[in-house]
Structures are given as C-alpha cells and as structure tokens.
Amino acid sequence: MKRTPNLLVILSDQHQAHALTCAGHPVVRTPNLDALAARGTRFTNAYTPSPICVPARAAFATGQYCHRIRCWDNAMPYVGQPRGWGHALQDKGIRVESIGKLHYRSSEDDTGFDVEHIPMHVHEGKGMVWGSIRREDERVYKHHVRMMGDTVGPGESNYTKYDAAVTERTCNWLQDTAGDEKPWCLYVGLVAPHHPLIAPQEFYDMYPTDKLPADKLRPKDGYLQHPWITKTAAAMVGEEGWTSEEERRVAIAAYYGLTSWMDYNVGRIVAALKASGQFENTTIIYSTDHGENLGVRGLWGKMNMYEESAAIPLIVAPAPSEGKSPPALCHTTVSLLDISETIIAHFDADLEGSRPGCSLYQIAEEPENTERVVFSEYHAIGAVSACYMIRKGRWKLIDYVGFEPELFDLEDDPEETVNRSKDPAAQAALRDLYAELAAICDRDAVNAEAFADQDQMIADYGGHEIAMNIGAPSSTPTPAH
C-alpha cells in the first residue's frame, strides 16, 4: 500500500497576498516561495477568516467561522475547543507537532499537537484585553503606541531572532525524523513580515527607498476613507505617526525586507527537508494569517477587508513522489478554513461536526469556479461595529453594521477604488451578496453577540479601568521576552 506523504504546513504572519515575485509584485523577491508555486498551485483569491491574528488562527485551528466559535478578538484565543484538525490527526494516529507561533492561549491547553516546540502564545494567556473595549465612547486609544513599532529600518529585533530560532529548530526536527516510517504533519509558524518593521541588513538593502513602488490611494492626495475605516484606524497610531516621508518609505522597505527574510527561512526549511531525504515524499502548504495595508489608503497593519489586509497568499506544492500535475493557478475563492480541511483530507482523517471549508485538492479541480463564496469578519481592535466580507466571483461586498456598504468589481477595479453599492447596474450583484451573507450569519445578531461576550470578559477582569491596561500594547512578546 502506498505511503501517505508527510505534510509540512508553513504559516507566516501578515504577508500581503501580492507581495510575491510569482504574483507579479514589481519589487519583492521571494525565490523560495516562487519555487514552491512553480511545482504546485497558487491560489490567487485566498482570504483570511478574520484580518487579525488570534481570531484568524482560532478559525484555522478549528475550520470554523470566528462567530461560530466565539473567538472575536486578540483577547479570545483558541483553548482547544471545539476540537480541530490537530485532534483529527491524533485520532488517526498521525504524528503532529508544531514549531513556532501559534497564538493560542497556552501550552497547557490541548490544542491538537503532540508537542509544541518554542510556541508563541498570547501574552500571559490573556492577550490584548484593552482592544476588546470597542464602543466609540468607551474604547481605549493607544495614542502613545505606533502600530508599526518605535523603530523601523535595518537591524535585528526579538521577532527576527525568534524566526531564526524557529527555522533552526525546524531544520533539526526534519533531520531527526529522517528515519520515520510513518507519515507526519509538522506545522511551522514564522512571525515575519509582521511588525516591528526591522529587517536584517542584507534583506533591507534589497529595497532602496528610491526604487519602491509609487504610493497609492493616500488621503493626503485626496483619497476619502470610509467612515467606519476612519474610526477603526483612530484606535492606534498609524499614518500620522511617521516623522517624515522618508521614514515612511524606510518602513515599507523594511516590510519588503522582512518578506524576503521570511522567504529565506522557508528556503532553509526546504533545503533541510531535502537534506533529510524526505522532500520527495512531503507535501508543502504555505500561507499566512492575514495581510498588511502598508500605507495604502493611509492605513497600516490589518483590521479591514480591503485586499491588502484580507487577501492572503496560498500555495500548495504536492509531494514529488505523488506524480501529480496540479494547475499552476487556481482562481476559485478559498480561505484558511480550506487549509484546515485539506490537512484532514490529506491523512484521510475525520472531525466531527459540519464546517464550511473544503479540501484544496478538490477545489483545484475547478480552478475557475465563480460561484464559490468566501466569508470574513472583524469584531476586534478599533471596530465600532462588526465588519463582514463576502467574495463571490468578480464581486466583493464589505458590509459595515450601521454604515453604508462597499461593493467592488475586482475584475474591472482590482485596486478597489470605485464603490458600486449605489450603482443601479450593480444592484443585482449587491442583493446576491447580501443573500449569501444572510445564509452564513445574522449580521446584527452576531454583532450584538460579539459585544456581549466582550462586555462579559471585561466585567470578569474587573471593569474598564482594569481591562484597558491588560495586554501587550502592539506586538505579542516572543517566548524569551
């Protein structure tokens, strides 16, 4: 009987979907991810289930929408319930381990890994509780915290040190498993290119500030932000935090440098896989938890549904021993939830309950399916109300509870510059997407439930005055710090 291939899942943090050479980015260099894409399938319309770390990762762990598991924000991490893909593999007797960032609650929880190597979890098992105070007349403004970090440019940070350690541990793990007769699943969590925007010198130097792409959709040039976006962005210091245009461009160069640094670490891992003799019999999946705005529309970080933030890269490179010839590109819409189902399907495992995802192996068989719907939601830091996204075919709906929606035709308008929600010619599409949204959730009821859960958590901590001082101000500390 033919042996099931090993499965290596690599998840980075905050990687823009189009920041790949193979995706046509004008300056970013990602030779190792390009090599994966060249022998596998790149999914061109992939999305996060929530554009912020902790809820996205909880959804990924379980294969469920955030509102179903009530993991709303960065203070509500995954604790092992409901059971996820790791538990399904354990039930099947598959060796399943993790190395690096998970962003769950604690290693004390049973989250479906036999071993968690140097895991990064939410700070003190609590996370950013202050960010759960969201109502405009109550919320905490971190006006002393610059979202992208106090320092930007070339150098070393705790995050680059951590990624180096994660990569080294992964390379050693692969060597140690070289003689395994049974298939394994290894999850690797890298932090880059997440801020702070400090990139190792040689990678920062790859992106001279005078060679960067031109800025686009900046408020200073006349772009008008959606009112919900303006309120959300006000929660932390973003565009207004740069001391000069040059520092702003240094930050962008550092982000691209971190992207290439992350790609370099992926290359080291693949090289170690080859050196261990397991490359031929290992399928590799690469993705990230969400994107990065990187100054577009005057926004930094994530926390919205525009392509820069909500879209993610996703590559599946099958084990060479399988002899498969998958499509180079799949344009069907997909999400992190589909990776969850792919992991389960890869090992012919089973997980109780219904979930919205589907195996990427199956989806790739219909690479031009324009009827598939992908959903994302946001109920976290800065959001004065819920925000939902529906992507179906060429159309994308961004629904803001209490505000006017945005509707984009991504085929004609990939930069999302023209809101078609009031265009008579687009009303049929708008109605269709709202019907799809209603089939997934009751938007108002979910919005109310998120606030109620956050209110209860804040009360359990002792009220606003206490809660507003619980949690890291911007980036989760590494295990060693």
Protein backbone atom coordinates (compact mmCIF):
# COMPACT_ATOMS: atom_id res chain seq x y z
CA MET A 1 0.00 0.00 0.00
CA LYS A 2 1.36 3.42 -0.99
CA ARG A 3 2.53 5.53 1.95
CA THR A 4 0.71 8.80 2.59
CA PRO A 5 3.10 11.74 2.06
CA ASN A 6 4.21 13.82 5.01
CA LEU A 7 2.61 17.26 5.29
CA LEU A 8 4.56 20.42 6.11
CA VAL A 9 2.37 23.46 6.78
CA ILE A 10 4.16 26.82 6.98
CA LEU A 11 2.20 29.84 8.17
CA SER A 12 3.81 33.26 8.23
CA ASP A 13 2.28 36.38 9.76
CA GLN A 14 0.93 39.47 7.99
CA HIS A 15 2.11 38.64 4.46
CA GLN A 16 0.36 40.64 1.74
CA ALA A 17 -1.16 38.37 -0.92
CA HIS A 18 0.56 40.15 -3.79
CA ALA A 19 3.96 40.52 -2.11
CA LEU A 20 5.37 37.62 -4.10
CA THR A 21 7.53 37.71 -7.21
CA CYS A 22 5.34 34.98 -8.74
CA ALA A 23 2.26 37.15 -8.12
CA GLY A 24 3.76 39.91 -10.23
CA HIS A 25 4.90 42.29 -7.49
CA PRO A 26 7.17 44.95 -9.01
CA VAL A 27 9.97 44.75 -6.43
CA VAL A 28 9.50 41.93 -3.90
CA ARG A 29 11.85 38.97 -4.27
CA THR A 30 10.64 35.61 -2.98
CA PRO A 31 12.60 32.93 -4.87
CA ASN A 32 11.84 30.10 -2.46
CA LEU A 33 8.08 30.65 -2.38
CA ASP A 34 8.20 31.09 -6.16
CA ALA A 35 9.84 27.66 -6.39
CA LEU A 36 7.00 26.11 -4.37
CA ALA A 37 4.44 27.80 -6.60
CA ALA A 38 6.27 26.66 -9.75
CA ARG A 39 5.77 23.00 -8.87
CA GLY A 40 2.35 23.34 -7.27
CA THR A 41 -0.77 25.51 -7.27
CA ARG A 42 -1.00 29.15 -6.27
CA PHE A 43 -4.49 30.15 -5.17
CA THR A 44 -4.94 33.70 -6.43
CA ASN A 45 -8.10 34.58 -4.49
CA ALA A 46 -7.41 33.39 -0.95
CA TYR A 47 -8.66 35.17 2.17
CA THR A 48 -8.39 35.17 5.94
CA PRO A 49 -11.47 34.34 8.03
CA SER A 50 -10.64 37.45 10.11
CA PRO A 51 -8.00 40.14 9.43
CA ILE A 52 -6.32 39.96 12.82
CA CYS A 53 -4.03 37.31 14.32
CA VAL A 54 -5.82 35.49 17.13
CA PRO A 55 -9.31 35.01 15.62
CA ALA A 56 -7.82 34.01 12.25
CA ARG A 57 -5.68 31.35 13.90
CA ALA A 58 -8.54 30.04 16.03
CA ALA A 59 -10.65 29.71 12.88
CA PHE A 60 -7.77 27.97 11.12
CA ALA A 61 -7.33 25.54 14.03
CA THR A 62 -10.99 24.52 14.03
CA GLY A 63 -12.08 25.07 10.43
CA GLN A 64 -14.95 27.18 11.78
CA TYR A 65 -16.01 30.79 11.31
CA CYS A 66 -14.98 33.05 14.19
CA HIS A 67 -18.58 33.78 15.18
CA ARG A 68 -19.32 30.07 15.48
CA ILE A 69 -16.51 29.51 17.97
CA ARG A 70 -16.88 32.99 19.54
CA CYS A 71 -13.21 33.85 19.23
CA TRP A 72 -13.79 37.51 18.43
CA ASP A 73 -10.54 39.33 19.02
CA ASN A 74 -6.95 39.18 20.26
CA ALA A 75 -8.11 38.55 23.83
CA MET A 76 -10.13 35.44 22.97
CA PRO A 77 -7.60 32.80 21.83
CA TYR A 78 -8.16 29.18 20.94
CA VAL A 79 -8.16 26.90 24.01
CA GLY A 80 -8.66 23.53 22.31
CA GLN A 81 -12.44 23.60 21.93
CA PRO A 82 -14.02 22.86 19.59
CA ARG A 83 -11.61 20.17 18.50
CA GLY A 84 -9.65 20.96 15.37
CA TRP A 85 -7.56 19.41 12.62
CA GLY A 86 -4.75 18.53 15.03
CA HIS A 87 -7.10 16.43 17.14
CA ALA A 88 -8.39 14.72 13.99
CA LEU A 89 -4.83 13.70 13.09
CA GLN A 90 -4.14 12.49 16.61
CA ASP A 91 -7.29 10.34 16.46
CA LYS A 92 -5.84 8.81 13.30
CA GLY A 93 -2.51 8.11 14.98
CA ILE A 94 -0.61 10.67 12.91
CA ARG A 95 2.40 12.35 14.49
CA VAL A 96 1.50 16.05 14.61
CA GLU A 97 3.75 18.71 16.12
CA SER A 98 4.20 22.48 15.94
CA ILE A 99 7.23 24.75 15.90
CA GLY A 100 6.86 28.50 16.37
CA LYS A 101 3.99 30.94 16.55
CA LEU A 102 0.52 29.57 17.30
CA HIS A 103 -1.10 32.49 19.15
CA TYR A 104 -3.41 30.23 21.15
CA ARG A 105 -3.96 30.67 24.89
CA SER A 106 -1.40 28.39 26.46
CA SER A 107 0.68 25.26 26.04
CA GLU A 108 -1.32 23.87 28.95
CA ASP A 109 -4.36 23.56 26.65
CA ASP A 110 -4.92 20.50 24.47
CA THR A 111 -4.92 22.16 21.05
CA GLY A 112 -4.15 19.08 18.99
CA PHE A 113 -0.35 18.87 18.96
CA ASP A 114 1.73 16.04 20.37
CA VAL A 115 4.47 18.58 21.09
CA GLU A 116 4.61 22.38 20.80
CA HIS A 117 8.22 23.47 20.20
CA ILE A 118 9.11 27.04 21.31
CA PRO A 119 5.49 28.18 20.91
CA MET A 120 4.41 31.82 20.89
CA HIS A 121 1.02 32.28 22.55
CA VAL A 122 -0.95 35.35 23.57
CA HIS A 123 0.68 37.47 26.26
CA GLU A 124 0.20 35.93 29.73
CA GLY A 125 -2.62 33.77 28.37
CA LYS A 126 -4.84 36.83 28.14
CA GLY A 127 -3.95 38.74 25.01
CA MET A 128 -4.92 42.31 24.15
CA VAL A 129 -7.85 42.75 26.51
CA TRP A 130 -7.73 46.54 26.07
CA GLY A 131 -8.67 46.05 22.41
CA SER A 132 -11.97 44.46 23.41
CA ILE A 133 -13.21 47.86 24.58
CA ARG A 134 -14.59 48.92 21.20
CA ARG A 135 -17.55 51.27 21.59
CA GLU A 136 -16.53 54.72 20.46
CA ASP A 137 -17.46 56.39 23.74
CA GLU A 138 -15.69 53.73 25.83
CA ARG A 139 -12.73 52.42 23.90
CA VAL A 140 -9.06 52.86 24.68
CA TYR A 141 -6.97 54.90 22.27
CA LYS A 142 -3.33 53.83 22.17
CA HIS A 143 -2.15 57.24 21.03
CA HIS A 144 1.25 56.61 22.60
CA VAL A 145 1.79 53.40 20.59
CA ARG A 146 2.86 53.48 16.96
CA MET A 147 1.42 50.37 15.36
CA MET A 148 4.47 49.53 13.25
CA GLY A 149 6.91 49.85 16.15
CA ASP A 150 9.04 52.59 17.68
CA THR A 151 11.94 51.86 15.32
CA VAL A 152 11.91 50.96 11.63
CA GLY A 153 14.67 50.06 9.21
CA PRO A 154 17.62 47.65 9.16
CA GLY A 155 18.66 45.65 12.21
CA GLU A 156 17.66 42.81 14.48
CA SER A 157 14.55 42.51 16.64
CA ASN A 158 13.20 39.91 19.04
CA TYR A 159 10.99 38.76 16.18
CA THR A 160 13.86 38.15 13.74
CA LYS A 161 15.73 36.32 16.49
CA TYR A 162 12.65 34.20 17.13
CA ASP A 163 12.21 33.34 13.46
CA ALA A 164 15.86 32.30 13.27
CA ALA A 165 15.30 30.01 16.26
CA VAL A 166 12.09 28.58 14.77
CA THR A 167 13.86 27.89 11.48
CA GLU A 168 16.81 26.23 13.21
CA ARG A 169 14.53 24.05 15.33
CA THR A 170 12.57 23.06 12.22
CA CYS A 171 15.72 22.08 10.33
CA ASN A 172 16.83 19.95 13.27
CA TRP A 173 13.37 18.37 13.59
CA LEU A 174 13.41 17.38 9.93
CA GLN A 175 16.81 15.74 10.33
CA ASP A 176 15.63 13.90 13.44
CA THR A 177 12.61 12.45 11.62
CA ALA A 178 14.59 11.25 8.60
CA GLY A 179 14.13 7.61 9.52
CA ASP A 180 10.42 7.74 10.33
CA GLU A 181 8.44 5.05 8.57
CA LYS A 182 5.06 6.61 9.28
CA PRO A 183 3.86 9.93 7.81
CA TRP A 184 3.93 13.05 9.93
CA CYS A 185 2.37 16.53 9.93
CA LEU A 186 4.50 19.47 11.01
CA TYR A 187 3.12 22.98 11.45
CA VAL A 188 5.71 25.81 11.37
CA GLY A 189 4.73 29.32 12.48
CA LEU A 190 7.03 32.16 11.33
CA VAL A 191 6.45 35.73 12.53
CA ALA A 192 7.87 37.78 9.63
CA PRO A 193 6.86 40.01 7.96
CA HIS A 194 4.77 41.12 10.98
CA HIS A 195 5.91 44.39 12.56
CA PRO A 196 8.08 45.73 14.17
CA LEU A 197 9.40 46.73 10.77
CA ILE A 198 13.04 45.92 11.44
CA ALA A 199 14.66 43.72 8.79
CA PRO A 200 18.09 42.07 8.76
CA GLN A 201 20.52 44.40 6.98
CA GLU A 202 21.16 42.29 3.87
CA PHE A 203 17.44 41.90 3.25
CA TYR A 204 16.64 45.53 3.97
CA ASP A 205 19.35 46.53 1.48
CA MET A 206 17.47 44.71 -1.27
CA TYR A 207 14.89 47.52 -1.30
CA PRO A 208 16.38 51.01 -1.78
CA THR A 209 13.76 53.57 -0.80
CA ASP A 210 14.05 55.35 -4.16
CA LYS A 211 13.15 52.15 -6.00
CA LEU A 212 9.92 51.34 -4.17
CA PRO A 213 6.55 51.31 -5.97
CA ALA A 214 4.65 54.60 -6.10
CA ASP A 215 2.24 55.36 -3.27
CA LYS A 216 -1.45 54.92 -3.97
CA LEU A 217 -4.79 55.95 -2.52
CA ARG A 218 -3.34 58.23 0.14
CA PRO A 219 -5.67 60.63 1.98
CA LYS A 220 -3.09 63.41 1.57
CA ASP A 221 -3.59 63.03 -2.19
CA GLY A 222 -7.37 63.25 -1.97
CA TYR A 223 -8.49 59.70 -1.17
CA LEU A 224 -11.52 59.68 1.16
CA GLN A 225 -11.61 56.90 3.74
CA HIS A 226 -14.86 55.15 4.51
CA PRO A 227 -16.23 56.50 7.87
CA TRP A 228 -16.01 53.08 9.55
CA ILE A 229 -12.39 52.80 8.45
CA THR A 230 -11.53 56.24 9.83
CA LYS A 231 -12.96 55.32 13.22
CA THR A 232 -11.15 51.98 13.28
CA ALA A 233 -7.81 53.47 12.25
CA ALA A 234 -8.03 56.01 15.07
CA ALA A 235 -7.55 53.31 17.71
CA MET A 236 -3.76 53.28 17.24
CA VAL A 237 -1.10 55.50 15.73
CA GLY A 238 -0.80 54.76 12.03
CA GLU A 239 -0.17 57.10 9.10
CA GLU A 240 0.15 60.15 11.32
CA GLY A 241 2.93 58.50 13.32
CA TRP A 242 5.70 58.86 10.76
CA THR A 243 8.19 61.62 11.40
CA SER A 244 8.80 62.14 7.67
CA GLU A 245 8.03 60.75 4.23
CA GLU A 246 11.47 59.17 4.22
CA GLU A 247 10.83 57.28 7.47
CA ARG A 248 7.56 56.07 5.97
CA ARG A 249 9.41 54.70 2.94
CA VAL A 250 12.02 53.11 5.20
CA ALA A 251 9.15 51.27 6.89
CA ILE A 252 7.89 49.98 3.54
CA ALA A 253 11.41 48.87 2.58
CA ALA A 254 11.73 47.07 5.92
CA TYR A 255 8.43 45.25 5.32
CA TYR A 256 9.64 44.01 1.96
CA GLY A 257 12.96 43.11 3.57
CA LEU A 258 11.14 41.05 6.21
CA THR A 259 9.17 39.36 3.43
CA SER A 260 12.41 38.29 1.76
CA TRP A 261 13.84 37.29 5.16
CA MET A 262 10.81 35.07 5.70
CA ASP A 263 11.26 33.63 2.21
CA TYR A 264 14.92 32.91 3.03
CA ASN A 265 13.83 30.93 6.10
CA VAL A 266 11.34 28.98 4.00
CA GLY A 267 14.27 28.18 1.70
CA ARG A 268 16.34 26.93 4.64
CA ILE A 269 13.48 24.69 5.74
CA VAL A 270 13.01 23.22 2.26
CA ALA A 271 16.77 22.65 1.99
CA ALA A 272 16.72 20.81 5.32
CA LEU A 273 13.79 18.73 4.09
CA LYS A 274 15.85 17.73 1.05
CA ALA A 275 18.92 17.01 3.15
CA SER A 276 16.85 14.71 5.36
CA GLY A 277 15.80 12.68 2.32
CA GLN A 278 12.11 13.46 2.88
CA PHE A 279 11.48 16.10 0.23
CA GLU A 280 10.22 13.68 -2.42
CA ASN A 281 7.57 12.38 -0.03
CA THR A 282 6.40 15.63 1.57
CA THR A 283 3.59 17.94 0.51
CA ILE A 284 4.12 21.59 1.48
CA ILE A 285 1.42 24.16 2.12
CA TYR A 286 2.34 27.82 2.57
CA SER A 287 0.09 30.66 3.68
CA THR A 288 -0.28 33.44 6.24
CA ASP A 289 -2.90 34.54 8.77
CA HIS A 290 -3.79 37.90 7.13
CA GLY A 291 -2.25 40.67 5.06
CA GLU A 292 -0.82 44.15 5.66
CA ASN A 293 -2.15 47.53 4.46
CA LEU A 294 1.35 49.05 4.21
CA GLY A 295 0.16 52.63 3.88
CA VAL A 296 -2.47 52.11 1.18
CA ARG A 297 -5.49 54.34 1.98
CA GLY A 298 -3.44 55.79 4.81
CA LEU A 299 -3.72 52.50 6.73
CA TRP A 300 -1.13 50.33 8.48
CA GLY A 301 -1.46 46.87 9.97
CA LYS A 302 -4.55 44.87 9.07
CA MET A 303 -8.07 45.13 10.58
CA ASN A 304 -10.14 45.74 7.44
CA MET A 305 -11.46 43.89 4.40
CA TYR A 306 -9.53 45.55 1.58
CA GLU A 307 -7.34 43.26 -0.49
CA GLU A 308 -4.10 44.40 1.16
CA SER A 309 -5.42 43.28 4.55
CA ALA A 310 -7.90 40.44 3.97
CA ALA A 311 -6.34 38.65 0.99
CA ILE A 312 -3.56 36.15 1.68
CA PRO A 313 -1.01 34.13 -0.33
CA LEU A 314 -1.69 30.41 -0.52
CA ILE A 315 0.47 27.79 -2.23
CA VAL A 316 0.12 24.00 -2.26
CA ALA A 317 3.11 22.04 -3.58
CA PRO A 318 2.37 18.29 -3.72
CA ALA A 319 4.97 15.69 -2.85
CA PRO A 320 7.00 14.92 -5.99
CA SER A 321 6.52 11.21 -5.34
CA GLU A 322 2.80 11.65 -5.98
CA GLY A 323 3.48 12.40 -9.62
CA LYS A 324 0.67 14.94 -9.75
CA SER A 325 0.40 17.81 -12.25
CA PRO A 326 -1.85 20.32 -10.45
CA PRO A 327 -2.99 23.54 -12.13
CA ALA A 328 -0.41 26.30 -11.76
CA LEU A 329 -3.11 28.78 -10.77
CA CYS A 330 -6.50 28.37 -9.13
CA HIS A 331 -8.75 31.44 -9.26
CA THR A 332 -11.59 29.92 -7.22
CA THR A 333 -12.05 31.78 -3.94
CA VAL A 334 -10.63 29.98 -0.89
CA SER A 335 -9.70 30.71 2.73
CA LEU A 336 -7.63 29.45 5.65
CA LEU A 337 -10.60 27.25 6.56
CA ASP A 338 -9.94 25.27 3.39
CA ILE A 339 -6.38 24.56 4.55
CA SER A 340 -7.89 23.02 7.69
CA GLU A 341 -9.98 20.68 5.58
CA THR A 342 -7.00 19.90 3.35
CA ILE A 343 -4.94 18.76 6.34
CA ILE A 344 -7.73 16.46 7.48
CA ALA A 345 -8.33 15.11 3.96
CA HIS A 346 -4.61 14.60 3.33
CA PHE A 347 -4.49 11.95 6.04
CA ASP A 348 -8.00 10.63 5.40
CA ALA A 349 -8.85 11.66 8.94
CA ASP A 350 -12.23 12.67 10.34
CA LEU A 351 -13.50 15.50 12.53
CA GLU A 352 -16.98 15.59 13.94
CA GLY A 353 -19.35 18.42 13.04
CA SER A 354 -20.03 20.41 9.89
CA ARG A 355 -17.62 23.06 8.64
CA PRO A 356 -17.72 25.48 5.72
CA GLY A 357 -14.33 24.58 4.24
CA CYS A 358 -13.34 22.15 1.51
CA SER A 359 -10.08 20.39 0.63
CA LEU A 360 -7.87 22.50 -1.61
CA TYR A 361 -7.05 19.34 -3.56
CA GLN A 362 -10.71 19.15 -4.54
CA ILE A 363 -11.09 22.89 -5.13
CA ALA A 364 -8.11 22.90 -7.51
CA GLU A 365 -10.04 20.55 -9.78
CA GLU A 366 -12.34 23.50 -10.58
CA PRO A 367 -9.85 26.38 -10.81
CA GLU A 368 -12.34 28.82 -12.36
CA ASN A 369 -15.38 28.31 -10.12
CA THR A 370 -17.01 31.75 -9.83
CA GLU A 371 -19.87 30.59 -7.62
CA ARG A 372 -17.87 29.68 -4.53
CA VAL A 373 -18.37 32.07 -1.62
CA VAL A 374 -15.73 33.08 0.93
CA PHE A 375 -16.60 34.95 4.14
CA SER A 376 -14.55 37.01 6.57
CA GLU A 377 -15.48 39.02 9.66
CA TYR A 378 -13.93 41.53 12.05
CA HIS A 379 -15.02 42.35 15.62
CA ALA A 380 -11.73 43.42 17.16
CA ILE A 381 -9.46 46.37 17.97
CA GLY A 382 -10.87 49.71 16.81
CA ALA A 383 -14.07 48.33 15.28
CA VAL A 384 -17.07 50.36 16.47
CA SER A 385 -19.30 47.71 14.88
CA ALA A 386 -18.95 44.42 13.04
CA CYS A 387 -17.48 44.30 9.55
CA TYR A 388 -18.17 41.43 7.16
CA MET A 389 -16.83 40.45 3.75
CA ILE A 390 -18.37 38.28 1.07
CA ARG A 391 -16.31 37.41 -2.01
CA LYS A 392 -18.01 35.62 -4.89
CA GLY A 393 -16.65 35.61 -8.40
CA ARG A 394 -15.71 39.09 -9.54
CA TRP A 395 -17.72 40.82 -6.79
CA LYS A 396 -16.74 41.69 -3.25
CA LEU A 397 -19.07 43.09 -0.58
CA ILE A 398 -17.78 44.82 2.53
CA ASP A 399 -20.65 45.26 4.98
CA TYR A 400 -20.32 47.56 7.99
CA VAL A 401 -23.06 47.34 10.63
CA GLY A 402 -24.52 50.84 11.00
CA PHE A 403 -22.67 52.24 7.95
CA GLU A 404 -23.04 52.24 4.19
CA PRO A 405 -21.55 49.16 2.50
CA GLU A 406 -18.84 49.00 -0.13
CA LEU A 407 -19.17 46.89 -3.28
CA PHE A 408 -16.27 46.32 -5.64
CA ASP A 409 -15.95 44.67 -9.03
CA LEU A 410 -12.47 43.21 -8.65
CA GLU A 411 -12.28 42.22 -12.29
CA ASP A 412 -12.63 45.79 -13.56
CA ASP A 413 -11.36 47.50 -10.41
CA PRO A 414 -8.71 45.35 -8.64
CA GLU A 415 -7.49 48.34 -6.60
CA GLU A 416 -10.96 48.79 -5.05
CA THR A 417 -11.25 52.47 -5.98
CA VAL A 418 -14.92 52.65 -7.06
CA ASN A 419 -17.69 51.75 -4.60
CA ARG A 420 -20.53 50.31 -6.72
CA SER A 421 -23.03 49.81 -3.88
CA LYS A 422 -25.30 52.60 -5.18
CA ASP A 423 -24.76 51.90 -8.87
CA PRO A 424 -28.09 50.79 -10.43
CA ALA A 425 -26.18 48.42 -12.71
CA ALA A 426 -24.72 46.60 -9.68
CA GLN A 427 -27.85 46.13 -7.58
CA ALA A 428 -28.41 42.52 -8.63
CA ALA A 429 -24.88 41.68 -7.50
CA LEU A 430 -25.40 43.57 -4.24
CA ARG A 431 -28.63 41.68 -3.49
CA ASP A 432 -26.96 38.37 -4.28
CA LEU A 433 -24.04 39.01 -1.94
CA TYR A 434 -26.32 40.13 0.88
CA ALA A 435 -28.31 36.93 0.42
CA GLU A 436 -25.06 34.97 0.72
CA LEU A 437 -24.18 36.90 3.89
CA ALA A 438 -27.61 36.18 5.40
CA ALA A 439 -27.14 32.47 4.66
CA ILE A 440 -23.95 32.48 6.74
CA CYS A 441 -24.99 34.60 9.71
CA ASP A 442 -27.45 37.11 11.11
CA ARG A 443 -25.20 40.17 10.84
CA ASP A 444 -26.91 42.17 13.59
CA ALA A 445 -27.25 39.25 15.98
CA VAL A 446 -23.57 38.31 15.57
CA ASN A 447 -22.56 41.94 16.10
CA ALA A 448 -24.56 42.02 19.34
CA GLU A 449 -23.18 38.67 20.49
CA ALA A 450 -19.59 39.83 19.99
CA PHE A 451 -20.15 42.95 22.07
CA ALA A 452 -21.95 40.93 24.77
CA ASP A 453 -19.09 38.41 25.05
CA GLN A 454 -16.52 41.21 25.20
CA ASP A 455 -18.56 43.10 27.80
CA GLN A 456 -18.71 39.98 29.96
CA MET A 457 -14.98 39.38 29.66
CA ILE A 458 -14.23 42.99 30.60
CA ALA A 459 -16.54 42.72 33.59
CA ASP A 460 -14.86 39.46 34.65
CA TYR A 461 -11.49 41.25 34.67
CA GLY A 462 -12.92 43.92 36.96
CA GLY A 463 -14.21 46.57 34.56
CA HIS A 464 -12.86 49.03 32.01
CA GLU A 465 -10.23 50.67 34.20
CA ILE A 466 -8.50 47.35 34.78
CA ALA A 467 -9.14 45.85 31.35
CA MET A 468 -7.70 48.81 29.49
CA ASN A 469 -4.26 48.03 30.95
CA ILE A 470 -4.22 44.28 30.22
CA GLY A 471 -2.28 43.04 27.21
CA ALA A 472 0.72 43.92 25.07
CA PRO A 473 0.29 47.38 23.50
CA SER A 474 1.06 46.28 19.94
CA SER A 475 3.05 43.10 19.22
CA THR A 476 2.91 39.89 21.27
CA PRO A 477 6.25 39.24 23.01
CA THR A 478 8.27 36.22 21.96
CA PRO A 479 8.60 33.32 24.42
CA ALA A 480 12.02 34.55 25.55
CA HIS A 481 10.82 38.09 26.17
